[in-house]
Amino acid sequence: MSPLRSRRPRRSPKFRVAVSSFRRTFILADDDLACSEVRVAVVGDIHANFGALEAVLRDATDVEDIWCLGDIVGYGPEPAACLERVARQCSITLLGNHDAAVVGTLSLSTFNGAAKEAAQWTRGQLDQSAMLFLRSLAPVHHRRPVSLVHGSLRDPLWEYLLSDEAACATFTRMPGHLCLVGHTHVPLWVEEDRSGVALSRAIENGVPRELPARRIIVNPGSVGQPRDRDPRAAYGVLVLDGVRPVSFEHRRVPYDIGSTQARMHAIGLPEELISRLSVGR
């Protein structure tokens, strides 16, 4: 494989303005949520796939707010564009493990070869303001009765919430009754029954599902690197009545996968990261 081709990042006044705007939106959103019904797009695992992110944002015309569950960068070809858009439009943004690796707070020794190579390339594409924005993020945020975390409440950066045991460990740590998670790149709905057992529910895309009063964990899936054998971009829409979660809807959106792959080829990113976009795994 040819060496990765990079270009010198430039300082971006536009991005610095976007970070300032992000802070203002965060304050306004806290006030707004307390007084009316709000529809929130929940996105995560964008992984520098700007084409997929744009497709999701074009689809989410019926929302008033956007929350991001982390991993904005890593794997994909357009980290700076994704960071600028997330900073400008999301009122809550979490730190993912790939974000942490890019800014150096998580060792690259914990990543496989392709992920490490992409993270090293990404570092060379981000200016100081983008790196400062990533360093300002945390992997977990509580807004009762909703918790947001990249991995799990037991291990916010690294745990993949794929088992009943992992789900129950997060249930016991939830201050409210809804936890939104990312990291696995697989859409999920799991709820706690009366005996404390985790019950998984089938995902029905495009169908709002009522959120019962019991404890529930929801993963909207991945915007930029789906791994459930569906290559379309995934996200969700949460409806809040004041601060009370009312319903959640999983959604899928097609995007121009070939265009993203062409950008990755031009940069020289690992072939395995490119080919998997076609099959969603």
C-alpha atoms as a PDB file:
ATOM      1  CA  MET A   1       0.000   0.000   0.000  1.00  0.00           C
ATOM      2  CA  SER A   2       1.246   3.470  -0.815  1.00  0.00           C
ATOM      3  CA  PRO A   3       2.111   5.831   2.050  1.00  0.00           C
ATOM      4  CA  LEU A   4      -0.693   7.967   3.402  1.00  0.00           C
ATOM      5  CA  ARG A   5      -0.881  11.316   1.682  1.00  0.00           C
ATOM      6  CA  SER A   6      -1.511  14.227   4.001  1.00  0.00           C
ATOM      7  CA  ARG A   7      -1.730  17.944   3.701  1.00  0.00           C
ATOM      8  CA  ARG A   8      -0.681  20.568   6.222  1.00  0.00           C
ATOM      9  CA  PRO A   9      -3.691  21.585   8.342  1.00  0.00           C
ATOM     10  CA  ARG A  10      -4.573  25.250   8.420  1.00  0.00           C
ATOM     11  CA  ARG A  11      -5.936  27.158  11.373  1.00  0.00           C
ATOM     12  CA  SER A  12      -9.647  27.660  10.865  1.00  0.00           C
ATOM     13  CA  PRO A  13     -11.454  30.753  12.216  1.00  0.00           C
ATOM     14  CA  LYS A  14     -14.714  29.146  11.094  1.00  0.00           C
ATOM     15  CA  PHE A  15     -14.129  26.191  13.392  1.00  0.00           C
ATOM     16  CA  ARG A  16     -13.354  28.432  16.359  1.00  0.00           C
ATOM     17  CA  VAL A  17     -16.648  30.243  15.784  1.00  0.00           C
ATOM     18  CA  ALA A  18     -18.391  26.885  15.593  1.00  0.00           C
ATOM     19  CA  VAL A  19     -17.038  25.852  19.002  1.00  0.00           C
ATOM     20  CA  SER A  20     -18.325  29.121  20.480  1.00  0.00           C
ATOM     21  CA  SER A  21     -21.708  28.497  18.865  1.00  0.00           C
ATOM     22  CA  PHE A  22     -21.719  24.973  20.313  1.00  0.00           C
ATOM     23  CA  ARG A  23     -21.351  26.369  23.823  1.00  0.00           C
ATOM     24  CA  ARG A  24     -24.239  28.814  23.335  1.00  0.00           C
ATOM     25  CA  THR A  25     -26.507  26.114  21.918  1.00  0.00           C
ATOM     26  CA  PHE A  26     -25.751  23.862  24.885  1.00  0.00           C
ATOM     27  CA  ILE A  27     -27.034  26.489  27.329  1.00  0.00           C
ATOM     28  CA  LEU A  28     -30.174  27.206  25.313  1.00  0.00           C
ATOM     29  CA  ALA A  29     -30.974  23.524  24.916  1.00  0.00           C
ATOM     30  CA  ASP A  30     -30.932  22.920  28.674  1.00  0.00           C
ATOM     31  CA  ASP A  31     -33.546  25.653  29.166  1.00  0.00           C
ATOM     32  CA  ASP A  32     -35.701  24.598  26.228  1.00  0.00           C
ATOM     33  CA  LEU A  33     -35.900  20.933  27.248  1.00  0.00           C
ATOM     34  CA  ALA A  34     -37.608  21.800  30.519  1.00  0.00           C
ATOM     35  CA  CYS A  35     -40.628  23.512  28.980  1.00  0.00           C
ATOM     36  CA  SER A  36     -41.849  21.739  25.815  1.00  0.00           C
ATOM     37  CA  GLU A  37     -41.794  18.643  23.643  1.00  0.00           C
ATOM     38  CA  VAL A  38     -38.476  18.379  21.828  1.00  0.00           C
ATOM     39  CA  ARG A  39     -37.371  16.022  19.050  1.00  0.00           C
ATOM     40  CA  VAL A  40     -33.676  15.175  19.229  1.00  0.00           C
ATOM     41  CA  ALA A  41     -31.601  13.456  16.549  1.00  0.00           C
ATOM     42  CA  VAL A  42     -29.147  11.051  18.219  1.00  0.00           C
ATOM     43  CA  VAL A  43     -26.035  10.360  16.152  1.00  0.00           C
ATOM     44  CA  GLY A  44     -22.804   8.539  16.864  1.00  0.00           C
ATOM     45  CA  ASP A  45     -19.790   6.771  15.403  1.00  0.00           C
ATOM     46  CA  ILE A  46     -19.561   9.205  12.496  1.00  0.00           C
ATOM     47  CA  HIS A  47     -15.917   8.258  11.935  1.00  0.00           C
ATOM     48  CA  ALA A  48     -14.990  11.119   9.617  1.00  0.00           C
ATOM     49  CA  ASN A  49     -17.558  10.037   7.015  1.00  0.00           C
ATOM     50  CA  PHE A  50     -18.881  13.446   6.017  1.00  0.00           C
ATOM     51  CA  GLY A  51     -21.053  12.111   3.190  1.00  0.00           C
ATOM     52  CA  ALA A  52     -22.938   9.883   5.623  1.00  0.00           C
ATOM     53  CA  LEU A  53     -23.243  12.700   8.177  1.00  0.00           C
ATOM     54  CA  GLU A  54     -24.644  15.099   5.585  1.00  0.00           C
ATOM     55  CA  ALA A  55     -27.200  12.493   4.492  1.00  0.00           C
ATOM     56  CA  VAL A  56     -28.354  12.025   8.089  1.00  0.00           C
ATOM     57  CA  LEU A  57     -28.649  15.761   8.705  1.00  0.00           C
ATOM     58  CA  ARG A  58     -30.630  16.214   5.489  1.00  0.00           C
ATOM     59  CA  ASP A  59     -32.990  13.471   6.641  1.00  0.00           C
ATOM     60  CA  ALA A  60     -33.417  14.865  10.163  1.00  0.00           C
ATOM     61  CA  THR A  61     -35.508  17.877   9.163  1.00  0.00           C
ATOM     62  CA  ASP A  62     -38.088  17.230  11.893  1.00  0.00           C
ATOM     63  CA  VAL A  63     -35.789  17.719  14.916  1.00  0.00           C
ATOM     64  CA  GLU A  64     -34.964  20.704  17.120  1.00  0.00           C
ATOM     65  CA  ASP A  65     -31.695  19.427  18.589  1.00  0.00           C
ATOM     66  CA  ILE A  66     -28.880  16.951  17.908  1.00  0.00           C
ATOM     67  CA  TRP A  67     -26.840  14.884  20.377  1.00  0.00           C
ATOM     68  CA  CYS A  68     -23.630  13.072  19.406  1.00  0.00           C
ATOM     69  CA  LEU A  69     -22.402   9.927  21.186  1.00  0.00           C
ATOM     70  CA  GLY A  70     -18.760  10.245  20.149  1.00  0.00           C
ATOM     71  CA  ASP A  71     -16.232   8.847  17.679  1.00  0.00           C
ATOM     72  CA  ILE A  72     -16.546  11.805  15.356  1.00  0.00           C
ATOM     73  CA  VAL A  73     -13.166  10.973  13.810  1.00  0.00           C
ATOM     74  CA  GLY A  74     -11.121   7.878  12.988  1.00  0.00           C
ATOM     75  CA  TYR A  75     -11.341   5.513   9.978  1.00  0.00           C
ATOM     76  CA  GLY A  76     -12.781   8.030   7.501  1.00  0.00           C
ATOM     77  CA  PRO A  77     -11.426  10.690   5.104  1.00  0.00           C
ATOM     78  CA  GLU A  78     -12.957  13.980   6.336  1.00  0.00           C
ATOM     79  CA  PRO A  79     -12.315  14.453  10.069  1.00  0.00           C
ATOM     80  CA  ALA A  80     -12.111  18.268  10.048  1.00  0.00           C
ATOM     81  CA  ALA A  81     -15.403  18.708   8.181  1.00  0.00           C
ATOM     82  CA  CYS A  82     -17.189  16.315  10.541  1.00  0.00           C
ATOM     83  CA  LEU A  83     -15.810  18.048  13.628  1.00  0.00           C
ATOM     84  CA  GLU A  84     -16.836  21.473  12.370  1.00  0.00           C
ATOM     85  CA  ARG A  85     -20.382  20.301  11.624  1.00  0.00           C
ATOM     86  CA  VAL A  86     -20.798  18.487  14.947  1.00  0.00           C
ATOM     87  CA  ALA A  87     -19.437  21.446  16.926  1.00  0.00           C
ATOM     88  CA  ARG A  88     -21.815  23.781  15.123  1.00  0.00           C
ATOM     89  CA  GLN A  89     -24.996  21.704  15.303  1.00  0.00           C
ATOM     90  CA  CYS A  90     -24.859  19.358  18.321  1.00  0.00           C
ATOM     91  CA  SER A  91     -25.787  20.633  21.777  1.00  0.00           C
ATOM     92  CA  ILE A  92     -24.238  17.585  23.467  1.00  0.00           C
ATOM     93  CA  THR A  93     -21.135  15.867  22.112  1.00  0.00           C
ATOM     94  CA  LEU A  94     -19.302  12.976  23.778  1.00  0.00           C
ATOM     95  CA  LEU A  95     -15.723  11.764  23.483  1.00  0.00           C
ATOM     96  CA  GLY A  96     -15.266   8.387  21.788  1.00  0.00           C
ATOM     97  CA  ASN A  97     -12.259   6.084  22.015  1.00  0.00           C
ATOM     98  CA  HIS A  98     -11.062   7.054  18.517  1.00  0.00           C
ATOM     99  CA  ASP A  99     -11.393  10.745  19.404  1.00  0.00           C
ATOM    100  CA  ALA A 100      -9.331  10.111  22.549  1.00  0.00           C
ATOM    101  CA  ALA A 101      -6.671   8.267  20.546  1.00  0.00           C
ATOM    102  CA  VAL A 102      -6.331  11.151  18.094  1.00  0.00           C
ATOM    103  CA  VAL A 103      -5.698  13.701  20.871  1.00  0.00           C
ATOM    104  CA  GLY A 104      -3.369  11.318  22.713  1.00  0.00           C
ATOM    105  CA  THR A 105      -5.365  10.660  25.881  1.00  0.00           C
ATOM    106  CA  LEU A 106      -5.736   7.000  24.851  1.00  0.00           C
ATOM    107  CA  SER A 107      -2.726   5.004  23.701  1.00  0.00           C
ATOM    108  CA  LEU A 108      -2.659   3.860  20.077  1.00  0.00           C
ATOM    109  CA  SER A 109      -1.172   0.575  21.311  1.00  0.00           C
ATOM    110  CA  THR A 110      -4.723  -0.504  22.180  1.00  0.00           C
ATOM    111  CA  PHE A 111      -5.850  -0.217  18.517  1.00  0.00           C
ATOM    112  CA  ASN A 112      -5.515  -2.634  15.618  1.00  0.00           C
ATOM    113  CA  GLY A 113      -3.238  -1.762  12.713  1.00  0.00           C
ATOM    114  CA  ALA A 114      -5.841  -0.180  10.431  1.00  0.00           C
ATOM    115  CA  ALA A 115      -7.407   1.898  13.207  1.00  0.00           C
ATOM    116  CA  LYS A 116      -3.958   3.027  14.385  1.00  0.00           C
ATOM    117  CA  GLU A 117      -2.927   4.038  10.858  1.00  0.00           C
ATOM    118  CA  ALA A 118      -6.139   6.039  10.378  1.00  0.00           C
ATOM    119  CA  ALA A 119      -5.724   7.767  13.757  1.00  0.00           C
ATOM    120  CA  GLN A 120      -2.143   8.761  12.955  1.00  0.00           C
ATOM    121  CA  TRP A 121      -3.229  10.211   9.612  1.00  0.00           C
ATOM    122  CA  THR A 122      -6.124  12.045  11.294  1.00  0.00           C
ATOM    123  CA  ARG A 123      -3.761  13.801  13.709  1.00  0.00           C
ATOM    124  CA  GLY A 124      -2.107  15.480  10.758  1.00  0.00           C
ATOM    125  CA  GLN A 125      -5.397  16.809   9.387  1.00  0.00           C
ATOM    126  CA  LEU A 126      -6.659  18.712  12.436  1.00  0.00           C
ATOM    127  CA  ASP A 127      -5.677  22.222  13.456  1.00  0.00           C
ATOM    128  CA  GLN A 128      -5.227  23.400  17.024  1.00  0.00           C
ATOM    129  CA  SER A 129      -8.829  24.514  17.486  1.00  0.00           C
ATOM    130  CA  ALA A 130     -10.149  21.120  16.380  1.00  0.00           C
ATOM    131  CA  MET A 131      -7.816  19.331  18.798  1.00  0.00           C
ATOM    132  CA  LEU A 132      -8.879  21.655  21.621  1.00  0.00           C
ATOM    133  CA  PHE A 133     -12.514  20.892  20.877  1.00  0.00           C
ATOM    134  CA  LEU A 134     -11.875  17.135  21.109  1.00  0.00           C
ATOM    135  CA  ARG A 135      -9.950  17.585  24.370  1.00  0.00           C
ATOM    136  CA  SER A 136     -12.915  19.479  25.844  1.00  0.00           C
ATOM    137  CA  LEU A 137     -15.200  16.445  25.515  1.00  0.00           C
ATOM    138  CA  ALA A 138     -16.063  13.716  28.045  1.00  0.00           C
ATOM    139  CA  PRO A 139     -17.291  10.165  27.277  1.00  0.00           C
ATOM    140  CA  VAL A 140     -20.383  10.375  29.499  1.00  0.00           C
ATOM    141  CA  HIS A 141     -23.069  12.979  30.193  1.00  0.00           C
ATOM    142  CA  HIS A 142     -26.091  12.763  32.516  1.00  0.00           C
ATOM    143  CA  ARG A 143     -29.217  14.818  31.922  1.00  0.00           C
ATOM    144  CA  ARG A 144     -31.759  13.084  34.121  1.00  0.00           C
ATOM    145  CA  PRO A 145     -33.577  10.944  33.371  1.00  0.00           C
ATOM    146  CA  VAL A 146     -31.363  10.445  30.288  1.00  0.00           C
ATOM    147  CA  SER A 147     -27.731   9.324  30.334  1.00  0.00           C
ATOM    148  CA  LEU A 148     -25.460   9.448  27.291  1.00  0.00           C
ATOM    149  CA  VAL A 149     -22.253   7.412  27.082  1.00  0.00           C
ATOM    150  CA  HIS A 150     -19.972   6.303  24.285  1.00  0.00           C
ATOM    151  CA  GLY A 151     -19.351   2.741  25.516  1.00  0.00           C
ATOM    152  CA  SER A 152     -21.107   1.798  28.745  1.00  0.00           C
ATOM    153  CA  LEU A 153     -21.588   3.292  32.191  1.00  0.00           C
ATOM    154  CA  ARG A 154     -19.232   0.643  33.578  1.00  0.00           C
ATOM    155  CA  ASP A 155     -16.468   1.544  31.109  1.00  0.00           C
ATOM    156  CA  PRO A 156     -17.413   4.716  29.210  1.00  0.00           C
ATOM    157  CA  LEU A 157     -14.716   4.542  26.516  1.00  0.00           C
ATOM    158  CA  TRP A 158     -14.069   0.868  25.872  1.00  0.00           C
ATOM    159  CA  GLU A 159     -16.843  -1.568  26.821  1.00  0.00           C
ATOM    160  CA  TYR A 160     -18.921  -2.927  23.949  1.00  0.00           C
ATOM    161  CA  LEU A 161     -22.480  -3.283  25.183  1.00  0.00           C
ATOM    162  CA  LEU A 162     -23.269  -6.551  23.410  1.00  0.00           C
ATOM    163  CA  SER A 163     -24.182  -8.978  26.211  1.00  0.00           C
ATOM    164  CA  ASP A 164     -26.906  -9.309  28.842  1.00  0.00           C
ATOM    165  CA  GLU A 165     -24.247  -9.041  31.553  1.00  0.00           C
ATOM    166  CA  ALA A 166     -22.908  -5.779  30.135  1.00  0.00           C
ATOM    167  CA  ALA A 167     -26.439  -4.398  29.826  1.00  0.00           C
ATOM    168  CA  CYS A 168     -27.273  -5.275  33.436  1.00  0.00           C
ATOM    169  CA  ALA A 169     -24.038  -3.636  34.623  1.00  0.00           C
ATOM    170  CA  THR A 170     -25.114  -0.404  32.934  1.00  0.00           C
ATOM    171  CA  PHE A 171     -28.696  -0.723  34.248  1.00  0.00           C
ATOM    172  CA  THR A 172     -27.392  -0.686  37.834  1.00  0.00           C
ATOM    173  CA  ARG A 173     -25.407   2.498  37.154  1.00  0.00           C
ATOM    174  CA  MET A 174     -28.186   4.481  35.474  1.00  0.00           C
ATOM    175  CA  PRO A 175     -29.433   7.498  37.479  1.00  0.00           C
ATOM    176  CA  GLY A 176     -32.556   7.623  35.285  1.00  0.00           C
ATOM    177  CA  HIS A 177     -34.401   5.154  33.080  1.00  0.00           C
ATOM    178  CA  LEU A 178     -32.873   5.794  29.617  1.00  0.00           C
ATOM    179  CA  CYS A 179     -29.254   5.385  28.545  1.00  0.00           C
ATOM    180  CA  LEU A 180     -28.099   6.190  25.001  1.00  0.00           C
ATOM    181  CA  VAL A 181     -24.924   4.364  23.932  1.00  0.00           C
ATOM    182  CA  GLY A 182     -22.702   4.038  20.864  1.00  0.00           C
ATOM    183  CA  HIS A 183     -19.363   2.283  20.177  1.00  0.00           C
ATOM    184  CA  THR A 184     -20.651  -1.070  18.822  1.00  0.00           C
ATOM    185  CA  HIS A 185     -21.898   0.377  15.505  1.00  0.00           C
ATOM    186  CA  VAL A 186     -24.969  -1.853  15.889  1.00  0.00           C
ATOM    187  CA  PRO A 187     -28.502  -0.538  16.592  1.00  0.00           C
ATOM    188  CA  LEU A 188     -29.832  -1.821  19.918  1.00  0.00           C
ATOM    189  CA  TRP A 189     -32.906  -1.691  22.130  1.00  0.00           C
ATOM    190  CA  VAL A 190     -32.624  -3.561  25.432  1.00  0.00           C
ATOM    191  CA  GLU A 191     -34.857  -3.091  28.462  1.00  0.00           C
ATOM    192  CA  GLU A 192     -34.853  -4.393  32.015  1.00  0.00           C
ATOM    193  CA  ASP A 193     -37.772  -6.603  33.008  1.00  0.00           C
ATOM    194  CA  ARG A 194     -39.279  -6.769  36.495  1.00  0.00           C
ATOM    195  CA  SER A 195     -36.780  -9.416  37.613  1.00  0.00           C
ATOM    196  CA  GLY A 196     -33.770  -7.397  36.437  1.00  0.00           C
ATOM    197  CA  VAL A 197     -33.158  -9.449  33.287  1.00  0.00           C
ATOM    198  CA  ALA A 198     -32.096  -7.697  30.071  1.00  0.00           C
ATOM    199  CA  LEU A 199     -34.588  -8.196  27.228  1.00  0.00           C
ATOM    200  CA  SER A 200     -33.532  -7.283  23.682  1.00  0.00           C
ATOM    201  CA  ARG A 201     -36.155  -6.014  21.240  1.00  0.00           C
ATOM    202  CA  ALA A 202     -36.034  -6.252  17.456  1.00  0.00           C
ATOM    203  CA  ILE A 203     -35.212  -3.001  15.654  1.00  0.00           C
ATOM    204  CA  GLU A 204     -37.939  -1.606  13.376  1.00  0.00           C
ATOM    205  CA  ASN A 205     -36.540   1.246  11.316  1.00  0.00           C
ATOM    206  CA  GLY A 206     -38.818   4.221  10.768  1.00  0.00           C
ATOM    207  CA  VAL A 207     -41.249   3.241  13.529  1.00  0.00           C
ATOM    208  CA  PRO A 208     -41.356   5.377  16.711  1.00  0.00           C
ATOM    209  CA  ARG A 209     -41.432   3.119  19.770  1.00  0.00           C
ATOM    210  CA  GLU A 210     -42.818   4.243  23.103  1.00  0.00           C
ATOM    211  CA  LEU A 211     -40.325   4.303  25.971  1.00  0.00           C
ATOM    212  CA  PRO A 212     -41.830   2.542  29.001  1.00  0.00           C
ATOM    213  CA  ALA A 213     -41.007   3.553  32.573  1.00  0.00           C
ATOM    214  CA  ARG A 214     -38.552   0.667  33.083  1.00  0.00           C
ATOM    215  CA  ARG A 215     -34.803   1.067  32.478  1.00  0.00           C
ATOM    216  CA  ILE A 216     -33.837   0.982  28.796  1.00  0.00           C
ATOM    217  CA  ILE A 217     -30.587   1.135  26.809  1.00  0.00           C
ATOM    218  CA  VAL A 218     -30.730   2.314  23.186  1.00  0.00           C
ATOM    219  CA  ASN A 219     -27.993   2.424  20.558  1.00  0.00           C
ATOM    220  CA  PRO A 220     -28.910   4.382  17.403  1.00  0.00           C
ATOM    221  CA  GLY A 221     -26.247   2.605  15.331  1.00  0.00           C
ATOM    222  CA  SER A 222     -23.386   4.167  13.392  1.00  0.00           C
ATOM    223  CA  VAL A 223     -23.585   7.092  11.000  1.00  0.00           C
ATOM    224  CA  GLY A 224     -20.308   6.432   9.219  1.00  0.00           C
ATOM    225  CA  GLN A 225     -19.260   2.806   9.841  1.00  0.00           C
ATOM    226  CA  PRO A 226     -22.351   0.550  10.281  1.00  0.00           C
ATOM    227  CA  ARG A 227     -21.592  -3.037  11.326  1.00  0.00           C
ATOM    228  CA  ASP A 228     -24.994  -4.741  11.278  1.00  0.00           C
ATOM    229  CA  ARG A 229     -24.724  -5.789   7.593  1.00  0.00           C
ATOM    230  CA  ASP A 230     -26.719  -2.751   6.492  1.00  0.00           C
ATOM    231  CA  PRO A 231     -24.393  -0.189   4.863  1.00  0.00           C
ATOM    232  CA  ARG A 232     -26.845   2.715   5.154  1.00  0.00           C
ATOM    233  CA  ALA A 233     -26.118   5.457   7.687  1.00  0.00           C
ATOM    234  CA  ALA A 234     -27.926   4.919  11.002  1.00  0.00           C
ATOM    235  CA  TYR A 235     -29.247   7.364  13.578  1.00  0.00           C
ATOM    236  CA  GLY A 236     -32.246   7.820  15.869  1.00  0.00           C
ATOM    237  CA  VAL A 237     -34.848  10.358  16.932  1.00  0.00           C
ATOM    238  CA  LEU A 238     -35.679  10.754  20.619  1.00  0.00           C
ATOM    239  CA  VAL A 239     -38.859  12.589  21.622  1.00  0.00           C
ATOM    240  CA  LEU A 240     -38.841  14.328  25.007  1.00  0.00           C
ATOM    241  CA  ASP A 241     -41.851  15.790  26.785  1.00  0.00           C
ATOM    242  CA  GLY A 242     -40.068  18.375  28.885  1.00  0.00           C
ATOM    243  CA  VAL A 243     -37.253  16.213  30.260  1.00  0.00           C
ATOM    244  CA  ARG A 244     -39.251  12.945  30.106  1.00  0.00           C
ATOM    245  CA  PRO A 245     -38.305  10.529  27.295  1.00  0.00           C
ATOM    246  CA  VAL A 246     -41.446   9.589  25.350  1.00  0.00           C
ATOM    247  CA  SER A 247     -40.327   7.592  22.299  1.00  0.00           C
ATOM    248  CA  PHE A 248     -37.347   6.580  20.174  1.00  0.00           C
ATOM    249  CA  GLU A 249     -37.220   5.865  16.456  1.00  0.00           C
ATOM    250  CA  HIS A 250     -34.352   4.108  14.655  1.00  0.00           C
ATOM    251  CA  ARG A 251     -33.723   5.393  11.132  1.00  0.00           C
ATOM    252  CA  ARG A 252     -31.564   4.381   8.131  1.00  0.00           C
ATOM    253  CA  VAL A 253     -30.453   6.704   5.346  1.00  0.00           C
ATOM    254  CA  PRO A 254     -28.692   5.821   2.063  1.00  0.00           C
ATOM    255  CA  TYR A 255     -25.676   7.887   1.045  1.00  0.00           C
ATOM    256  CA  ASP A 256     -23.038   7.881  -1.705  1.00  0.00           C
ATOM    257  CA  ILE A 257     -20.739   5.176  -0.339  1.00  0.00           C
ATOM    258  CA  GLY A 258     -18.636   5.123  -3.501  1.00  0.00           C
ATOM    259  CA  SER A 259     -17.749   8.790  -3.131  1.00  0.00           C
ATOM    260  CA  THR A 260     -16.510   8.246   0.431  1.00  0.00           C
ATOM    261  CA  GLN A 261     -14.526   5.200  -0.674  1.00  0.00           C
ATOM    262  CA  ALA A 262     -12.933   7.177  -3.521  1.00  0.00           C
ATOM    263  CA  ARG A 263     -11.738   9.812  -1.035  1.00  0.00           C
ATOM    264  CA  MET A 264     -10.299   7.094   1.203  1.00  0.00           C
ATOM    265  CA  HIS A 265      -8.476   5.506  -1.754  1.00  0.00           C
ATOM    266  CA  ALA A 266      -7.026   8.874  -2.775  1.00  0.00           C
ATOM    267  CA  ILE A 267      -5.649   9.404   0.738  1.00  0.00           C
ATOM    268  CA  GLY A 268      -4.290   5.867   0.994  1.00  0.00           C
ATOM    269  CA  LEU A 269      -6.301   4.717   4.008  1.00  0.00           C
ATOM    270  CA  PRO A 270      -6.274   0.940   4.693  1.00  0.00           C
ATOM    271  CA  GLU A 271      -8.261  -1.142   2.206  1.00  0.00           C
ATOM    272  CA  GLU A 272     -10.140  -3.018   4.933  1.00  0.00           C
ATOM    273  CA  LEU A 273     -11.638   0.261   6.176  1.00  0.00           C
ATOM    274  CA  ILE A 274     -12.718   1.110   2.635  1.00  0.00           C
ATOM    275  CA  SER A 275     -14.245  -2.202   1.576  1.00  0.00           C
ATOM    276  CA  ARG A 276     -16.284  -2.740   4.732  1.00  0.00           C
ATOM    277  CA  LEU A 277     -18.387   0.351   3.978  1.00  0.00           C
ATOM    278  CA  SER A 278     -20.000  -1.507   1.059  1.00  0.00           C
ATOM    279  CA  VAL A 279     -21.308  -4.330   3.234  1.00  0.00           C
ATOM    280  CA  GLY A 280     -21.852  -2.684   6.616  1.00  0.00           C
ATOM    281  CA  ARG A 281     -19.688  -4.932   8.752  1.00  0.00           C
END
